[in-house]
């Protein structure tokens, strides 16, 4: 993260988190824009607990829509059908 902090030092309003889950604290939604291995099998319950709105926008189609629905997450995959939780 030191390289990112240095590269974006001039940008106002940029904040950094200690972990991917910590970055979700109080966020309105999660946008997935990478296929990095560490994001392929997240703890969906922990994600849901940290988001203000349980919404995930998946630009890489990493997750199964039915699994997301069971986890209580509104799932918006790019190029696939939307899965919404029933509760």
Protein backbone atom coordinates (compact mmCIF):
# COMPACT_ATOMS: atom_id res chain seq x y z
CA UNK A 1 0.00 0.00 0.00
CA UNK A 2 2.88 2.46 0.40
CA UNK A 3 3.17 2.71 -3.40
CA UNK A 4 -0.54 3.54 -3.73
CA UNK A 5 -0.33 6.14 -0.99
CA UNK A 6 2.61 7.75 -2.73
CA UNK A 7 0.99 7.63 -6.19
CA UNK A 8 -2.28 9.16 -4.96
CA UNK A 9 -0.87 11.53 -2.34
CA UNK A 10 -2.28 14.59 -4.12
CA UNK A 11 -5.85 13.27 -4.28
CA UNK A 12 -8.08 14.72 -1.61
CA UNK A 13 -10.69 12.49 0.01
CA UNK A 14 -8.88 9.21 -0.66
CA UNK A 15 -8.86 6.91 2.36
CA UNK A 16 -7.11 3.58 2.88
CA UNK A 17 -8.24 0.48 4.75
CA UNK A 18 -6.18 -2.18 6.49
CA UNK A 19 -8.03 -5.02 4.72
CA UNK A 20 -10.59 -5.60 1.97
CA UNK A 21 -13.32 -6.22 4.58
CA UNK A 22 -12.39 -3.08 6.50
CA UNK A 23 -12.86 -1.12 3.26
CA UNK A 24 -16.53 -2.17 3.27
CA UNK A 25 -17.35 -0.69 6.69
CA UNK A 26 -20.26 1.66 6.07
CA UNK A 27 -19.98 1.42 2.27
CA UNK A 28 -23.15 1.71 0.21
CA UNK A 29 -22.22 -1.25 -2.01
CA UNK A 30 -19.34 -3.43 -3.21
CA UNK A 31 -18.04 -3.17 -6.78
CA UNK A 32 -15.86 -6.07 -7.91
CA UNK A 33 -13.54 -5.03 -10.73
CA UNK A 34 -10.72 -7.56 -10.39
CA UNK A 35 -10.22 -11.30 -10.71
CA UNK A 36 -7.48 -11.42 -8.07
CA UNK A 37 -7.38 -14.77 -6.31
CA UNK A 38 -8.01 -13.32 -2.84
CA UNK A 39 -11.43 -12.03 -3.97
CA UNK A 40 -12.72 -15.30 -5.48
CA UNK A 41 -14.03 -16.91 -2.26
CA UNK A 42 -14.97 -14.17 0.19
CA UNK A 43 -17.04 -14.46 3.34
CA UNK A 44 -20.38 -13.26 1.98
CA UNK A 45 -21.96 -13.00 5.44
CA UNK A 46 -19.14 -10.70 6.58
CA UNK A 47 -19.59 -8.62 3.43
CA UNK A 48 -23.34 -8.33 4.05
CA UNK A 49 -22.78 -7.33 7.67
CA UNK A 50 -20.47 -4.44 6.75
CA UNK A 51 -22.41 -2.89 3.88
CA UNK A 52 -25.12 -0.27 4.42
CA UNK A 53 -27.02 -1.81 1.51
CA UNK A 54 -26.35 -5.49 0.76
CA UNK A 55 -25.57 -4.86 -2.92
CA UNK A 56 -22.70 -6.32 -4.95
CA UNK A 57 -21.90 -5.15 -8.49
CA UNK A 58 -19.69 -7.80 -10.11
CA UNK A 59 -17.85 -6.66 -13.22
CA UNK A 60 -15.91 -9.94 -13.41
CA UNK A 61 -18.75 -12.46 -12.86
CA UNK A 62 -16.84 -14.20 -10.09
CA UNK A 63 -19.80 -15.33 -8.02
CA UNK A 64 -22.76 -17.64 -8.39
CA UNK A 65 -26.01 -15.63 -8.45
CA UNK A 66 -27.87 -18.23 -6.39
CA UNK A 67 -25.15 -18.30 -3.72
CA UNK A 68 -25.33 -14.52 -3.48
CA UNK A 69 -29.10 -14.69 -3.11
CA UNK A 70 -28.79 -17.27 -0.31
CA UNK A 71 -26.30 -14.96 1.42
CA UNK A 72 -28.89 -12.19 1.42
CA UNK A 73 -27.03 -10.03 -1.09
CA UNK A 74 -28.49 -8.19 -4.04
CA UNK A 75 -26.23 -9.28 -6.88
CA UNK A 76 -25.73 -7.29 -10.07
CA UNK A 77 -23.43 -9.23 -12.40
CA UNK A 78 -22.45 -7.53 -15.62
CA UNK A 79 -23.89 -9.52 -18.55
CA UNK A 80 -25.88 -12.03 -16.42
CA UNK A 81 -29.30 -12.08 -14.76
CA UNK A 82 -29.74 -10.22 -11.47
CA UNK A 83 -30.26 -12.20 -8.24
CA UNK A 84 -31.97 -10.49 -5.32
CA UNK A 85 -32.46 -11.80 -1.83
CA UNK A 86 -36.01 -12.38 -0.67
CA UNK A 87 -35.46 -10.80 2.73
